[in-house]
N, C-alpha and C. Protein backbone atom coordinates (compact mmCIF):
# COMPACT_ATOMS: atom_id res chain seq x y z
N MET A 1 14.20 -26.53 -141.17
CA MET A 1 13.23 -25.52 -141.61
C MET A 1 12.59 -24.89 -140.29
N ASP A 2 12.66 -23.59 -140.21
CA ASP A 2 11.97 -23.14 -138.95
C ASP A 2 10.40 -23.16 -139.01
N GLU A 3 9.75 -23.14 -138.00
CA GLU A 3 8.36 -23.37 -137.97
C GLU A 3 7.53 -22.34 -138.84
N GLU A 4 7.99 -21.09 -138.67
CA GLU A 4 7.17 -20.03 -139.39
C GLU A 4 7.35 -20.18 -140.84
N THR A 5 8.57 -20.61 -141.33
CA THR A 5 8.58 -20.87 -142.84
C THR A 5 7.73 -22.06 -143.14
N ALA A 6 7.88 -22.99 -142.32
CA ALA A 6 6.97 -24.23 -142.61
C ALA A 6 5.46 -23.93 -142.69
N ARG A 7 5.11 -23.10 -141.69
CA ARG A 7 3.64 -22.69 -141.55
C ARG A 7 3.26 -22.01 -142.91
N GLN A 8 4.04 -21.02 -143.47
CA GLN A 8 3.73 -20.40 -144.68
C GLN A 8 3.65 -21.26 -145.83
N ILE A 9 4.54 -22.28 -145.96
CA ILE A 9 4.58 -23.13 -146.96
C ILE A 9 3.40 -24.10 -146.95
N VAL A 10 3.04 -24.58 -145.74
CA VAL A 10 1.88 -25.53 -145.64
C VAL A 10 0.58 -24.79 -145.97
N ALA A 11 0.52 -23.48 -145.55
CA ALA A 11 -0.69 -22.58 -146.05
C ALA A 11 -0.81 -22.51 -147.61
N ARG A 12 0.27 -22.37 -148.17
CA ARG A 12 0.22 -22.36 -149.62
C ARG A 12 -0.03 -23.53 -150.34
N LEU A 13 0.46 -24.63 -149.73
CA LEU A 13 0.16 -26.02 -150.10
C LEU A 13 -1.29 -26.33 -150.11
N GLN A 14 -1.87 -25.83 -149.05
CA GLN A 14 -3.35 -26.04 -148.83
C GLN A 14 -4.09 -25.28 -149.92
N THR A 15 -3.58 -24.04 -150.28
CA THR A 15 -4.22 -23.40 -151.34
C THR A 15 -4.07 -24.11 -152.67
N CYS A 16 -2.91 -24.71 -152.91
CA CYS A 16 -2.83 -25.57 -154.12
C CYS A 16 -3.74 -26.71 -154.09
N VAL A 17 -3.88 -27.41 -153.00
CA VAL A 17 -4.88 -28.58 -152.89
C VAL A 17 -6.29 -28.02 -153.20
N ASN A 18 -6.62 -26.85 -152.71
CA ASN A 18 -8.06 -26.31 -153.03
C ASN A 18 -8.16 -25.99 -154.51
N LEU A 19 -7.19 -25.47 -155.14
CA LEU A 19 -7.25 -25.08 -156.46
C LEU A 19 -7.32 -26.34 -157.36
N LEU A 20 -6.47 -27.41 -157.02
CA LEU A 20 -6.55 -28.55 -157.72
C LEU A 20 -7.97 -29.27 -157.63
N SER A 21 -8.50 -29.12 -156.44
CA SER A 21 -9.81 -29.75 -156.21
C SER A 21 -10.78 -28.96 -157.24
N GLU A 22 -10.59 -27.74 -157.41
CA GLU A 22 -11.57 -27.00 -158.42
C GLU A 22 -11.28 -27.42 -159.67
N VAL A 23 -9.94 -27.83 -160.08
CA VAL A 23 -9.66 -28.24 -161.43
C VAL A 23 -10.38 -29.57 -161.77
N VAL A 24 -10.51 -30.56 -160.78
CA VAL A 24 -11.22 -31.66 -160.89
C VAL A 24 -12.64 -31.47 -161.03
N GLN A 25 -13.22 -30.51 -160.30
CA GLN A 25 -14.66 -30.25 -160.36
C GLN A 25 -14.96 -29.61 -161.84
N ILE A 26 -14.10 -28.76 -162.23
CA ILE A 26 -14.36 -28.12 -163.61
C ILE A 26 -14.37 -29.19 -164.74
N ALA A 27 -13.26 -30.08 -164.54
CA ALA A 27 -13.20 -31.15 -165.63
C ALA A 27 -14.48 -32.02 -165.55
N HIS A 28 -14.86 -32.37 -164.36
CA HIS A 28 -16.07 -33.29 -164.19
C HIS A 28 -17.29 -32.66 -164.78
N ALA A 29 -17.48 -31.37 -164.59
CA ALA A 29 -18.64 -30.70 -165.02
C ALA A 29 -18.65 -30.39 -166.49
N ASN A 30 -17.34 -30.34 -167.22
CA ASN A 30 -17.30 -29.83 -168.50
C ASN A 30 -16.66 -30.81 -169.56
N CYS A 31 -16.09 -31.93 -169.16
CA CYS A 31 -15.32 -32.72 -170.00
C CYS A 31 -16.05 -34.14 -170.24
N GLY A 32 -15.58 -34.74 -171.20
CA GLY A 32 -16.09 -36.10 -171.47
C GLY A 32 -15.40 -37.02 -170.45
N ASP A 33 -15.88 -38.25 -170.35
CA ASP A 33 -15.31 -39.21 -169.39
C ASP A 33 -13.82 -39.43 -169.39
N GLU A 34 -13.19 -39.53 -170.57
CA GLU A 34 -11.92 -39.78 -170.81
C GLU A 34 -10.99 -38.65 -170.38
N GLU A 35 -11.51 -37.40 -170.81
CA GLU A 35 -10.72 -36.20 -170.40
C GLU A 35 -10.84 -36.10 -168.89
N ASP A 36 -12.00 -36.28 -168.32
CA ASP A 36 -12.27 -36.18 -166.77
C ASP A 36 -11.38 -37.11 -166.22
N ARG A 37 -11.17 -38.29 -166.58
CA ARG A 37 -10.36 -39.41 -166.04
C ARG A 37 -8.97 -38.89 -166.01
N LEU A 38 -8.42 -38.41 -167.25
CA LEU A 38 -7.04 -37.93 -167.39
C LEU A 38 -6.70 -36.79 -166.44
N VAL A 39 -7.81 -35.85 -166.31
CA VAL A 39 -7.56 -34.70 -165.39
C VAL A 39 -7.32 -35.25 -163.97
N ARG A 40 -8.28 -36.03 -163.57
CA ARG A 40 -8.16 -36.66 -162.27
C ARG A 40 -6.81 -37.40 -161.97
N ARG A 41 -6.51 -38.11 -162.95
CA ARG A 41 -5.13 -38.82 -162.81
C ARG A 41 -4.03 -37.80 -162.70
N GLY A 42 -4.05 -36.81 -163.50
CA GLY A 42 -2.97 -35.87 -163.39
C GLY A 42 -2.94 -35.10 -162.00
N VAL A 43 -4.11 -34.69 -161.68
CA VAL A 43 -4.24 -34.05 -160.35
C VAL A 43 -3.77 -34.97 -159.21
N GLY A 44 -4.16 -36.31 -159.25
CA GLY A 44 -3.70 -37.30 -158.23
C GLY A 44 -2.18 -37.29 -158.16
N TYR A 45 -1.67 -37.36 -159.28
CA TYR A 45 -0.18 -37.46 -159.52
C TYR A 45 0.48 -36.22 -158.72
N VAL A 46 -0.15 -35.06 -159.06
CA VAL A 46 0.50 -33.78 -158.54
C VAL A 46 0.31 -33.83 -156.94
N LEU A 47 -0.86 -34.22 -156.45
CA LEU A 47 -1.17 -34.20 -154.95
C LEU A 47 -0.23 -35.29 -154.34
N SER A 48 0.01 -36.45 -155.05
CA SER A 48 0.82 -37.37 -154.41
C SER A 48 2.33 -37.02 -154.19
N GLU A 49 2.85 -36.29 -155.32
CA GLU A 49 4.04 -35.62 -155.27
C GLU A 49 4.18 -34.63 -154.23
N MET A 50 3.24 -33.78 -153.97
CA MET A 50 3.22 -32.71 -153.02
C MET A 50 3.29 -33.41 -151.66
N GLN A 51 2.50 -34.34 -151.42
CA GLN A 51 2.49 -35.01 -150.16
C GLN A 51 3.88 -35.78 -149.88
N ASP A 52 4.31 -36.51 -150.84
CA ASP A 52 5.62 -37.25 -150.72
C ASP A 52 6.78 -36.35 -150.42
N ARG A 53 6.86 -35.30 -151.23
CA ARG A 53 8.10 -34.53 -151.23
C ARG A 53 8.07 -33.12 -150.29
N LEU A 54 6.84 -32.86 -149.96
CA LEU A 54 6.68 -31.56 -149.26
C LEU A 54 5.79 -31.74 -147.97
N THR A 55 4.60 -32.03 -148.02
CA THR A 55 3.66 -32.04 -146.91
C THR A 55 4.24 -33.07 -145.85
N ASP A 56 4.27 -34.25 -146.20
CA ASP A 56 4.73 -35.24 -145.15
C ASP A 56 5.97 -34.92 -144.48
N PRO A 57 7.11 -34.54 -145.26
CA PRO A 57 8.37 -34.26 -144.67
C PRO A 57 8.17 -33.01 -143.68
N ILE A 58 7.41 -32.02 -144.03
CA ILE A 58 7.21 -30.88 -143.20
C ILE A 58 6.37 -31.20 -141.89
N PHE A 59 5.42 -32.08 -142.10
CA PHE A 59 4.58 -32.50 -141.03
C PHE A 59 5.46 -33.39 -139.95
N ARG A 60 6.33 -34.09 -140.61
CA ARG A 60 7.20 -34.90 -139.76
C ARG A 60 8.05 -34.07 -138.75
N GLU A 61 8.47 -33.03 -139.24
CA GLU A 61 9.41 -31.96 -138.60
C GLU A 61 8.56 -31.10 -137.67
N HIS A 62 7.37 -30.78 -138.19
CA HIS A 62 6.48 -29.80 -137.44
C HIS A 62 5.07 -30.50 -137.26
N PRO A 63 4.92 -31.56 -136.53
CA PRO A 63 3.61 -32.21 -136.40
C PRO A 63 2.54 -31.21 -135.85
N ASP A 64 2.87 -30.19 -135.07
CA ASP A 64 1.95 -29.16 -134.63
C ASP A 64 1.29 -28.33 -135.75
N LEU A 65 1.74 -28.49 -136.97
CA LEU A 65 1.06 -27.71 -138.14
C LEU A 65 0.06 -28.60 -138.78
N ILE A 66 -0.08 -29.87 -138.40
CA ILE A 66 -1.24 -30.59 -138.87
C ILE A 66 -2.49 -29.99 -138.42
N PRO A 67 -3.40 -29.55 -139.27
CA PRO A 67 -4.67 -29.00 -138.86
C PRO A 67 -5.42 -29.76 -137.76
N GLN A 68 -5.89 -29.06 -136.79
CA GLN A 68 -6.63 -29.64 -135.52
C GLN A 68 -7.81 -30.29 -136.11
N GLY A 69 -8.21 -31.28 -135.61
CA GLY A 69 -9.43 -32.18 -135.95
C GLY A 69 -9.22 -32.99 -137.16
N VAL A 70 -8.02 -32.88 -137.76
CA VAL A 70 -7.78 -33.75 -139.08
C VAL A 70 -7.25 -34.96 -138.55
N ASP A 71 -7.74 -36.22 -138.80
CA ASP A 71 -7.19 -37.50 -138.55
C ASP A 71 -6.10 -37.91 -139.47
N TYR A 72 -4.95 -37.38 -139.31
CA TYR A 72 -3.76 -37.55 -140.29
C TYR A 72 -2.50 -37.73 -139.56
N GLU A 73 -1.61 -38.67 -140.04
CA GLU A 73 -0.29 -38.84 -139.56
C GLU A 73 0.51 -39.01 -140.70
N PRO A 74 1.65 -38.15 -140.95
CA PRO A 74 2.48 -38.50 -141.97
C PRO A 74 3.05 -39.82 -142.11
N MET A 75 3.30 -40.34 -143.34
CA MET A 75 3.89 -41.62 -143.41
C MET A 75 5.31 -41.53 -142.91
N ALA A 76 5.93 -42.63 -142.57
CA ALA A 76 7.26 -42.67 -142.04
C ALA A 76 8.21 -42.26 -143.25
N GLY A 77 9.26 -41.63 -142.76
CA GLY A 77 10.30 -41.02 -143.70
C GLY A 77 10.97 -40.03 -143.16
N PRO A 78 11.91 -39.44 -143.99
CA PRO A 78 12.68 -38.26 -143.56
C PRO A 78 11.95 -36.96 -143.42
N THR A 79 12.43 -36.04 -142.70
CA THR A 79 11.91 -34.72 -142.66
C THR A 79 12.55 -33.92 -143.77
N LEU A 80 12.07 -32.74 -144.15
CA LEU A 80 12.61 -31.96 -145.30
C LEU A 80 14.10 -31.59 -144.96
N THR A 81 14.36 -31.32 -143.62
CA THR A 81 15.71 -31.04 -143.33
C THR A 81 16.63 -32.22 -143.64
N GLU A 82 16.25 -33.28 -143.22
CA GLU A 82 17.08 -34.56 -143.42
C GLU A 82 17.10 -34.90 -145.12
N MET A 83 16.13 -34.67 -145.80
CA MET A 83 16.23 -34.70 -147.17
C MET A 83 17.25 -33.97 -147.83
N VAL A 84 17.33 -32.74 -147.32
CA VAL A 84 18.38 -31.73 -147.77
C VAL A 84 19.74 -32.22 -147.51
N LYS A 85 19.98 -32.66 -146.29
CA LYS A 85 21.28 -33.28 -145.91
C LYS A 85 21.67 -34.45 -146.73
N GLU A 86 20.62 -35.32 -147.02
CA GLU A 86 20.82 -36.53 -147.86
C GLU A 86 21.23 -36.24 -149.27
N SER A 87 20.68 -35.17 -149.80
CA SER A 87 20.86 -34.82 -151.22
C SER A 87 22.14 -34.13 -151.45
N GLY A 88 22.89 -33.79 -150.35
CA GLY A 88 24.28 -33.14 -150.23
C GLY A 88 24.82 -32.86 -151.42
């Protein structure tokens, strides 16, 4: 994946993260404990999938896209390009 495409995708993934954070806040403010817990669990699952399947693979290939000042390193694994080749 070229860097500009990766940059655009990462920006939209960050928008998704921000919106999912709002979902958790809304549930916390307006739902009972069990509903709040289920919403948080669901959002956590979505975030985990996004990180495993998109964010980390992109950051492995384009580490310069990791926001400055963020103490983050993607977990070991294939890049998105390598994942495409493996899925053949």
